[in-house]
Amino acid sequence: RPALIYCSITGFGQEGPYATRAGYDFLIQGMA
């Protein structure tokens, strides 16, 4: 279905050295 809009939400994004980590709000407030 090429017209589909597919939205992924993760802790650190689909790419990068942290991509496979789980993201939690508290941790992100500290890291950011």
Full PDB file with SEQRES, HELIX, SHEET, SSBOND, CRYST1, ORIGX, SCALE, CONECT and MASTER records, all heavy atoms in Angstrom:
SEQRES   1 A   32  ARG PRO ALA LEU ILE TYR CYS SER ILE THR GLY PHE GLY          
SEQRES   2 A   32  GLN GLU GLY PRO TYR ALA THR ARG ALA GLY TYR ASP PHE          
SEQRES   3 A   32  LEU ILE GLN GLY MET ALA                                      
HELIX    1 AA1 ASP A   25  MET A   31  1                                   7    
CRYST1    1.000    1.000    1.000  90.00  90.00  90.00 P 1           1          
ORIGX1      1.000000  0.000000  0.000000        0.00000                         
ORIGX2      0.000000  1.000000  0.000000        0.00000                         
ORIGX3      0.000000  0.000000  1.000000        0.00000                         
SCALE1      1.000000  0.000000  0.000000        0.00000                         
SCALE2      0.000000  1.000000  0.000000        0.00000                         
SCALE3      0.000000  0.000000  1.000000        0.00000                         
ATOM      1  N   ARG A   1       0.857  -1.195   0.000  1.00  0.00           N  
ATOM      2  CA  ARG A   1       0.000   0.000   0.000  1.00  0.00           C  
ATOM      3  C   ARG A   1       0.884   1.232   0.000  1.00  0.00           C  
ATOM      4  O   ARG A   1       1.190   1.801   1.068  1.00  0.00           O  
ATOM      5  CB  ARG A   1      -0.920  -0.028   1.220  1.00  0.00           C  
ATOM      6  CG  ARG A   1      -1.849   1.169   1.334  1.00  0.00           C  
ATOM      7  CD  ARG A   1      -3.052   0.854   2.209  1.00  0.00           C  
ATOM      8  NE  ARG A   1      -3.744   2.018   2.697  1.00  0.00           N  
ATOM      9  CZ  ARG A   1      -4.453   2.881   1.954  1.00  0.00           C  
ATOM     10  NH1 ARG A   1      -4.505   2.727   0.650  1.00  0.00           N  
ATOM     11  NH2 ARG A   1      -5.067   3.905   2.516  1.00  0.00           N  
ATOM     12  N   PRO A   2       1.326   1.688  -1.173  1.00  0.00           N  
ATOM     13  CA  PRO A   2       2.265   2.813  -1.250  1.00  0.00           C  
ATOM     14  C   PRO A   2       1.724   4.112  -0.653  1.00  0.00           C  
ATOM     15  O   PRO A   2       2.511   4.972  -0.248  1.00  0.00           O  
ATOM     16  CB  PRO A   2       2.521   2.960  -2.752  1.00  0.00           C  
ATOM     17  CG  PRO A   2       2.209   1.618  -3.329  1.00  0.00           C  
ATOM     18  CD  PRO A   2       1.083   1.083  -2.500  1.00  0.00           C  
ATOM     19  N   ALA A   3       0.406   4.248  -0.571  1.00  0.00           N  
ATOM     20  CA  ALA A   3      -0.175   5.483  -0.033  1.00  0.00           C  
ATOM     21  C   ALA A   3      -0.217   5.513   1.486  1.00  0.00           C  
ATOM     22  O   ALA A   3      -0.609   6.523   2.080  1.00  0.00           O  
ATOM     23  CB  ALA A   3      -1.589   5.686  -0.585  1.00  0.00           C  
ATOM     24  N   LEU A   4       0.209   4.434   2.127  1.00  0.00           N  
ATOM     25  CA  LEU A   4       0.165   4.365   3.588  1.00  0.00           C  
ATOM     26  C   LEU A   4       1.151   5.346   4.217  1.00  0.00           C  
ATOM     27  O   LEU A   4       2.297   5.481   3.776  1.00  0.00           O  
ATOM     28  CB  LEU A   4       0.509   2.944   4.047  1.00  0.00           C  
ATOM     29  CG  LEU A   4       0.566   2.712   5.561  1.00  0.00           C  
ATOM     30  CD1 LEU A   4      -0.823   2.854   6.180  1.00  0.00           C  
ATOM     31  CD2 LEU A   4       1.156   1.336   5.867  1.00  0.00           C  
ATOM     32  N   ILE A   5       0.718   5.996   5.281  1.00  0.00           N  
ATOM     33  CA  ILE A   5       1.609   6.824   6.100  1.00  0.00           C  
ATOM     34  C   ILE A   5       1.923   6.025   7.352  1.00  0.00           C  
ATOM     35  O   ILE A   5       1.034   5.712   8.151  1.00  0.00           O  
ATOM     36  CB  ILE A   5       0.958   8.174   6.415  1.00  0.00           C  
ATOM     37  CG1 ILE A   5       0.813   8.969   5.119  1.00  0.00           C  
ATOM     38  CG2 ILE A   5       1.784   8.951   7.445  1.00  0.00           C  
ATOM     39  CD1 ILE A   5      -0.121  10.129   5.207  1.00  0.00           C  
ATOM     40  N   TYR A   6       3.192   5.682   7.499  1.00  0.00           N  
ATOM     41  CA  TYR A   6       3.641   4.781   8.547  1.00  0.00           C  
ATOM     42  C   TYR A   6       4.533   5.556   9.494  1.00  0.00           C  
ATOM     43  O   TYR A   6       5.587   6.044   9.106  1.00  0.00           O  
ATOM     44  CB  TYR A   6       4.409   3.624   7.914  1.00  0.00           C  
ATOM     45  CG  TYR A   6       4.745   2.476   8.850  1.00  0.00           C  
ATOM     46  CD1 TYR A   6       4.005   1.307   8.840  1.00  0.00           C  
ATOM     47  CD2 TYR A   6       5.828   2.553   9.724  1.00  0.00           C  
ATOM     48  CE1 TYR A   6       4.310   0.235   9.670  1.00  0.00           C  
ATOM     49  CE2 TYR A   6       6.151   1.502  10.561  1.00  0.00           C  
ATOM     50  CZ  TYR A   6       5.389   0.342  10.532  1.00  0.00           C  
ATOM     51  OH  TYR A   6       5.711  -0.708  11.356  1.00  0.00           O  
ATOM     52  N   CYS A   7       4.101   5.685  10.745  1.00  0.00           N  
ATOM     53  CA  CYS A   7       4.822   6.494  11.723  1.00  0.00           C  
ATOM     54  C   CYS A   7       5.394   5.614  12.822  1.00  0.00           C  
ATOM     55  O   CYS A   7       4.650   4.980  13.570  1.00  0.00           O  
ATOM     56  CB  CYS A   7       3.891   7.545  12.331  1.00  0.00           C  
ATOM     57  SG  CYS A   7       4.677   8.576  13.591  1.00  0.00           S  
ATOM     58  N   SER A   8       6.726   5.580  12.909  1.00  0.00           N  
ATOM     59  CA  SER A   8       7.416   4.843  13.962  1.00  0.00           C  
ATOM     60  C   SER A   8       7.909   5.804  15.028  1.00  0.00           C  
ATOM     61  O   SER A   8       8.525   6.832  14.710  1.00  0.00           O  
ATOM     62  CB  SER A   8       8.614   4.075  13.393  1.00  0.00           C  
ATOM     63  OG  SER A   8       8.196   3.040  12.548  1.00  0.00           O  
ATOM     64  N   ILE A   9       7.659   5.467  16.277  1.00  0.00           N  
ATOM     65  CA  ILE A   9       8.150   6.256  17.409  1.00  0.00           C  
ATOM     66  C   ILE A   9       9.048   5.365  18.254  1.00  0.00           C  
ATOM     67  O   ILE A   9       8.627   4.302  18.723  1.00  0.00           O  
ATOM     68  CB  ILE A   9       6.982   6.800  18.247  1.00  0.00           C  
ATOM     69  CG1 ILE A   9       6.129   7.767  17.412  1.00  0.00           C  
ATOM     70  CG2 ILE A   9       7.507   7.503  19.499  1.00  0.00           C  
ATOM     71  CD1 ILE A   9       4.903   8.287  18.121  1.00  0.00           C  
ATOM     72  N   THR A  10      10.288   5.781  18.432  1.00  0.00           N  
ATOM     73  CA  THR A  10      11.247   5.022  19.225  1.00  0.00           C  
ATOM     74  C   THR A  10      12.000   5.971  20.140  1.00  0.00           C  
ATOM     75  O   THR A  10      11.849   7.189  20.050  1.00  0.00           O  
ATOM     76  CB  THR A  10      12.258   4.295  18.317  1.00  0.00           C  
ATOM     77  OG1 THR A  10      12.916   5.268  17.489  1.00  0.00           O  
ATOM     78  CG2 THR A  10      11.575   3.253  17.447  1.00  0.00           C  
ATOM     79  N   GLY A  11      12.827   5.399  21.007  1.00  0.00           N  
ATOM     80  CA  GLY A  11      13.612   6.241  21.899  1.00  0.00           C  
ATOM     81  C   GLY A  11      14.676   7.036  21.169  1.00  0.00           C  
ATOM     82  O   GLY A  11      14.900   8.216  21.457  1.00  0.00           O  
ATOM     83  N   PHE A  12      15.338   6.380  20.177  1.00  0.00           N  
ATOM     84  CA  PHE A  12      16.522   6.995  19.590  1.00  0.00           C  
ATOM     85  C   PHE A  12      16.515   7.044  18.071  1.00  0.00           C  
ATOM     86  O   PHE A  12      17.502   7.469  17.465  1.00  0.00           O  
ATOM     87  CB  PHE A  12      17.766   6.234  20.073  1.00  0.00           C  
ATOM     88  CG  PHE A  12      17.928   6.275  21.570  1.00  0.00           C  
ATOM     89  CD1 PHE A  12      17.446   5.242  22.362  1.00  0.00           C  
ATOM     90  CD2 PHE A  12      18.524   7.353  22.196  1.00  0.00           C  
ATOM     91  CE1 PHE A  12      17.577   5.276  23.752  1.00  0.00           C  
ATOM     92  CE2 PHE A  12      18.650   7.408  23.577  1.00  0.00           C  
ATOM     93  CZ  PHE A  12      18.177   6.361  24.345  1.00  0.00           C  
ATOM     94  N   GLY A  13      15.423   6.645  17.437  1.00  0.00           N  
ATOM     95  CA  GLY A  13      15.357   6.698  15.988  1.00  0.00           C  
ATOM     96  C   GLY A  13      15.716   5.374  15.348  1.00  0.00           C  
ATOM     97  O   GLY A  13      16.179   4.439  16.000  1.00  0.00           O  
ATOM     98  N   GLN A  14      15.503   5.298  14.037  1.00  0.00           N  
ATOM     99  CA  GLN A  14      15.691   4.057  13.295  1.00  0.00           C  
ATOM    100  C   GLN A  14      17.156   3.760  12.992  1.00  0.00           C  
ATOM    101  O   GLN A  14      17.499   2.639  12.622  1.00  0.00           O  
ATOM    102  CB  GLN A  14      14.902   4.128  11.981  1.00  0.00           C  
ATOM    103  CG  GLN A  14      13.401   4.255  12.163  1.00  0.00           C  
ATOM    104  CD  GLN A  14      12.789   3.041  12.827  1.00  0.00           C  
ATOM    105  OE1 GLN A  14      12.985   1.914  12.378  1.00  0.00           O  
ATOM    106  NE2 GLN A  14      12.018   3.265  13.889  1.00  0.00           N  
ATOM    107  N   GLU A  15      18.024   4.739  13.113  1.00  0.00           N  
ATOM    108  CA  GLU A  15      19.433   4.554  12.802  1.00  0.00           C  
ATOM    109  C   GLU A  15      20.289   5.186  13.885  1.00  0.00           C  
ATOM    110  O   GLU A  15      19.812   6.014  14.662  1.00  0.00           O  
ATOM    111  CB  GLU A  15      19.771   5.180  11.446  1.00  0.00           C  
ATOM    112  CG  GLU A  15      19.008   4.585  10.275  1.00  0.00           C  
ATOM    113  CD  GLU A  15      19.328   5.295   8.973  1.00  0.00           C  
ATOM    114  OE1 GLU A  15      19.814   6.447   9.042  1.00  0.00           O  
ATOM    115  OE2 GLU A  15      19.112   4.703   7.906  1.00  0.00           O  
ATOM    116  N   GLY A  16      21.581   4.830  13.911  1.00  0.00           N  
ATOM    117  CA  GLY A  16      22.510   5.407  14.869  1.00  0.00           C  
ATOM    118  C   GLY A  16      22.948   4.397  15.910  1.00  0.00           C  
ATOM    119  O   GLY A  16      22.357   3.322  16.053  1.00  0.00           O  
ATOM    120  N   PRO A  17      23.994   4.723  16.678  1.00  0.00           N  
ATOM    121  CA  PRO A  17      24.559   3.766  17.634  1.00  0.00           C  
ATOM    122  C   PRO A  17      23.616   3.374  18.760  1.00  0.00           C  
ATOM    123  O   PRO A  17      23.815   2.339  19.399  1.00  0.00           O  
ATOM    124  CB  PRO A  17      25.796   4.497  18.168  1.00  0.00           C  
ATOM    125  CG  PRO A  17      25.552   5.952  17.897  1.00  0.00           C  
ATOM    126  CD  PRO A  17      24.758   5.988  16.639  1.00  0.00           C  
ATOM    127  N   TYR A  18      22.597   4.185  19.048  1.00  0.00           N  
ATOM    128  CA  TYR A  18      21.659   3.866  20.131  1.00  0.00           C  
ATOM    129  C   TYR A  18      20.331   3.328  19.621  1.00  0.00           C  
ATOM    130  O   TYR A  18      19.393   3.140  20.403  1.00  0.00           O  
ATOM    131  CB  TYR A  18      21.368   5.108  20.973  1.00  0.00           C  
ATOM    132  CG  TYR A  18      22.553   5.781  21.605  1.00  0.00           C  
ATOM    133  CD1 TYR A  18      22.476   7.105  22.024  1.00  0.00           C  
ATOM    134  CD2 TYR A  18      23.769   5.109  21.795  1.00  0.00           C  
ATOM    135  CE1 TYR A  18      23.558   7.742  22.620  1.00  0.00           C  
ATOM    136  CE2 TYR A  18      24.860   5.733  22.373  1.00  0.00           C  
ATOM    137  CZ  TYR A  18      24.748   7.052  22.780  1.00  0.00           C  
ATOM    138  OH  TYR A  18      25.814   7.676  23.353  1.00  0.00           O  
ATOM    139  N   ALA A  19      20.218   3.080  18.315  1.00  0.00           N  
ATOM    140  CA  ALA A  19      18.913   2.779  17.720  1.00  0.00           C  
ATOM    141  C   ALA A  19      18.215   1.587  18.363  1.00  0.00           C  
ATOM    142  O   ALA A  19      16.989   1.575  18.490  1.00  0.00           O  
ATOM    143  CB  ALA A  19      19.060   2.551  16.216  1.00  0.00           C  
ATOM    144  N   THR A  20      18.979   0.603  18.806  1.00  0.00           N  
ATOM    145  CA  THR A  20      18.334  -0.601  19.350  1.00  0.00           C  
ATOM    146  C   THR A  20      17.989  -0.483  20.826  1.00  0.00           C  
ATOM    147  O   THR A  20      17.373  -1.386  21.394  1.00  0.00           O  
ATOM    148  CB  THR A  20      19.256  -1.827  19.162  1.00  0.00           C  
ATOM    149  OG1 THR A  20      20.510  -1.587  19.826  1.00  0.00           O  
ATOM    150  CG2 THR A  20      19.506  -2.087  17.673  1.00  0.00           C  
ATOM    151  N   ARG A  21      18.363   0.622  21.463  1.00  0.00           N  
ATOM    152  CA  ARG A  21      18.054   0.788  22.885  1.00  0.00           C  
ATOM    153  C   ARG A  21      16.578   1.116  23.097  1.00  0.00           C  
ATOM    154  O   ARG A  21      15.946   1.786  22.282  1.00  0.00           O  
ATOM    155  CB  ARG A  21      18.880   1.924  23.489  1.00  0.00           C  
ATOM    156  CG  ARG A  21      20.371   1.681  23.553  1.00  0.00           C  
ATOM    157  CD  ARG A  21      21.026   2.836  24.304  1.00  0.00           C  
ATOM    158  NE  ARG A  21      22.473   2.733  24.320  1.00  0.00           N  
ATOM    159  CZ  ARG A  21      23.269   3.617  24.937  1.00  0.00           C  
ATOM    160  NH1 ARG A  21      22.738   4.654  25.594  1.00  0.00           N  
ATOM    161  NH2 ARG A  21      24.576   3.469  24.902  1.00  0.00           N  
ATOM    162  N   ALA A  22      16.062   0.687  24.232  1.00  0.00           N  
ATOM    163  CA  ALA A  22      14.718   1.113  24.630  1.00  0.00           C  
ATOM    164  C   ALA A  22      14.799   2.548  25.160  1.00  0.00           C  
ATOM    165  O   ALA A  22      15.788   2.932  25.782  1.00  0.00           O  
ATOM    166  CB  ALA A  22      14.168   0.195  25.706  1.00  0.00           C  
ATOM    167  N   GLY A  23      13.782   3.329  24.887  1.00  0.00           N  
ATOM    168  CA  GLY A  23      13.768   4.723  25.329  1.00  0.00           C  
ATOM    169  C   GLY A  23      12.677   4.975  26.341  1.00  0.00           C  
ATOM    170  O   GLY A  23      11.525   4.577  26.138  1.00  0.00           O  
ATOM    171  N   TYR A  24      13.035   5.614  27.450  1.00  0.00           N  
ATOM    172  CA  TYR A  24      12.067   5.976  28.474  1.00  0.00           C  
ATOM    173  C   TYR A  24      12.173   7.480  28.733  1.00  0.00           C  
ATOM    174  O   TYR A  24      13.266   8.044  28.737  1.00  0.00           O  
ATOM    175  CB  TYR A  24      12.334   5.194  29.765  1.00  0.00           C  
ATOM    176  CG  TYR A  24      12.117   3.715  29.606  1.00  0.00           C  
ATOM    177  CD1 TYR A  24      13.160   2.879  29.209  1.00  0.00           C  
ATOM    178  CD2 TYR A  24      10.863   3.146  29.818  1.00  0.00           C  
ATOM    179  CE1 TYR A  24      12.957   1.512  29.049  1.00  0.00           C  
ATOM    180  CE2 TYR A  24      10.655   1.786  29.665  1.00  0.00           C  
ATOM    181  CZ  TYR A  24      11.706   0.972  29.281  1.00  0.00           C  
ATOM    182  OH  TYR A  24      11.501  -0.373  29.111  1.00  0.00           O  
ATOM    183  N   ASP A  25      11.038   8.090  28.958  1.00  0.00           N  
ATOM    184  CA  ASP A  25      10.984   9.541  29.088  1.00  0.00           C  
ATOM    185  C   ASP A  25      12.021  10.078  30.075  1.00  0.00           C  
ATOM    186  O   ASP A  25      12.746  11.029  29.773  1.00  0.00           O  
ATOM    187  CB  ASP A  25       9.575   9.967  29.518  1.00  0.00           C  
ATOM    188  CG  ASP A  25       9.450  11.462  29.707  1.00  0.00           C  
ATOM    189  OD1 ASP A  25       9.741  11.949  30.826  1.00  0.00           O  
ATOM    190  OD2 ASP A  25       9.069  12.153  28.748  1.00  0.00           O  
ATOM    191  N   PHE A  26      12.104   9.507  31.257  1.00  0.00           N  
ATOM    192  CA  PHE A  26      13.010   9.981  32.303  1.00  0.00           C  
ATOM    193  C   PHE A  26      14.465   9.943  31.809  1.00  0.00           C  
ATOM    194  O   PHE A  26      15.221  10.912  31.942  1.00  0.00           O  
ATOM    195  CB  PHE A  26      12.828   9.105  33.540  1.00  0.00           C  
ATOM    196  CG  PHE A  26      13.465   9.639  34.797  1.00  0.00           C  
ATOM    197  CD1 PHE A  26      14.105  10.865  34.848  1.00  0.00           C  
ATOM    198  CD2 PHE A  26      13.409   8.889  35.962  1.00  0.00           C  
ATOM    199  CE1 PHE A  26      14.681  11.336  36.023  1.00  0.00           C  
ATOM    200  CE2 PHE A  26      13.977   9.349  37.144  1.00  0.00           C  
ATOM    201  CZ  PHE A  26      14.626  10.574  37.164  1.00  0.00           C  
ATOM    202  N   LEU A  27      14.851   8.815  31.215  1.00  0.00           N  
ATOM    203  CA  LEU A  27      16.210   8.705  30.694  1.00  0.00           C  
ATOM    204  C   LEU A  27      16.474   9.741  29.602  1.00  0.00           C  
ATOM    205  O   LEU A  27      17.560  10.330  29.533  1.00  0.00           O  
ATOM    206  CB  LEU A  27      16.439   7.303  30.134  1.00  0.00           C  
ATOM    207  CG  LEU A  27      16.292   6.128  31.101  1.00  0.00           C  
ATOM    208  CD1 LEU A  27      16.536   4.810  30.386  1.00  0.00           C  
ATOM    209  CD2 LEU A  27      17.252   6.287  32.277  1.00  0.00           C  
ATOM    210  N   ILE A  28      15.482   9.948  28.751  1.00  0.00           N  
ATOM    211  CA  ILE A  28      15.661  10.888  27.644  1.00  0.00           C  
ATOM    212  C   ILE A  28      15.804  12.314  28.163  1.00  0.00           C  
ATOM    213  O   ILE A  28      16.624  13.092  27.660  1.00  0.00           O  
ATOM    214  CB  ILE A  28      14.485  10.786  26.661  1.00  0.00           C  
ATOM    215  CG1 ILE A  28      14.437   9.392  26.024  1.00  0.00           C  
ATOM    216  CG2 ILE A  28      14.576  11.864  25.592  1.00  0.00           C  
ATOM    217  CD1 ILE A  28      15.629   9.030  25.187  1.00  0.00           C  
ATOM    218  N   GLN A  29      15.028  12.687  29.175  1.00  0.00           N  
ATOM    219  CA  GLN A  29      15.178  14.035  29.732  1.00  0.00           C  
ATOM    220  C   GLN A  29      16.601  14.256  30.224  1.00  0.00           C  
ATOM    221  O   GLN A  29      17.157  15.347  30.084  1.00  0.00           O  
ATOM    222  CB  GLN A  29      14.188  14.255  30.878  1.00  0.00           C  
ATOM    223  CG  GLN A  29      12.741  14.408  30.432  1.00  0.00           C  
ATOM    224  CD  GLN A  29      11.854  14.942  31.547  1.00  0.00           C  
ATOM    225  OE1 GLN A  29      12.238  15.853  32.275  1.00  0.00           O  
ATOM    226  NE2 GLN A  29      10.652  14.399  31.665  1.00  0.00           N  
ATOM    227  N   GLY A  30      17.201  13.214  30.802  1.00  0.00           N  
ATOM    228  CA  GLY A  30      18.585  13.333  31.243  1.00  0.00           C  
ATOM    229  C   GLY A  30      19.554  13.392  30.082  1.00  0.00           C  
ATOM    230  O   GLY A  30      20.432  14.264  30.022  1.00  0.00           O  
ATOM    231  N   MET A  31      19.423  12.475  29.123  1.00  0.00           N  
ATOM    232  CA  MET A  31      20.365  12.406  28.017  1.00  0.00           C  
ATOM    233  C   MET A  31      20.286  13.622  27.105  1.00  0.00           C  
ATOM    234  O   MET A  31      21.291  14.032  26.513  1.00  0.00           O  
ATOM    235  CB  MET A  31      20.112  11.136  27.201  1.00  0.00           C  
ATOM    236  CG  MET A  31      20.416   9.860  27.939  1.00  0.00           C  
ATOM    237  SD  MET A  31      20.137   8.392  26.923  1.00  0.00           S  
ATOM    238  CE  MET A  31      21.489   8.562  25.748  1.00  0.00           C  
ATOM    239  N   ALA A  32      19.102  14.212  26.980  1.00  0.00           N  
ATOM    240  CA  ALA A  32      18.903  15.339  26.070  1.00  0.00           C  
ATOM    241  C   ALA A  32      19.295  16.680  26.674  1.00  0.00           C  
ATOM    242  O   ALA A  32      19.169  17.711  26.013  1.00  0.00           O  
ATOM    243  CB  ALA A  32      17.442  15.386  25.622  1.00  0.00           C  
TER     244      ALA A  32                                                      
MASTER        0    0    0    1    0    0    0    6  243    1    0    3          
END                                                                             
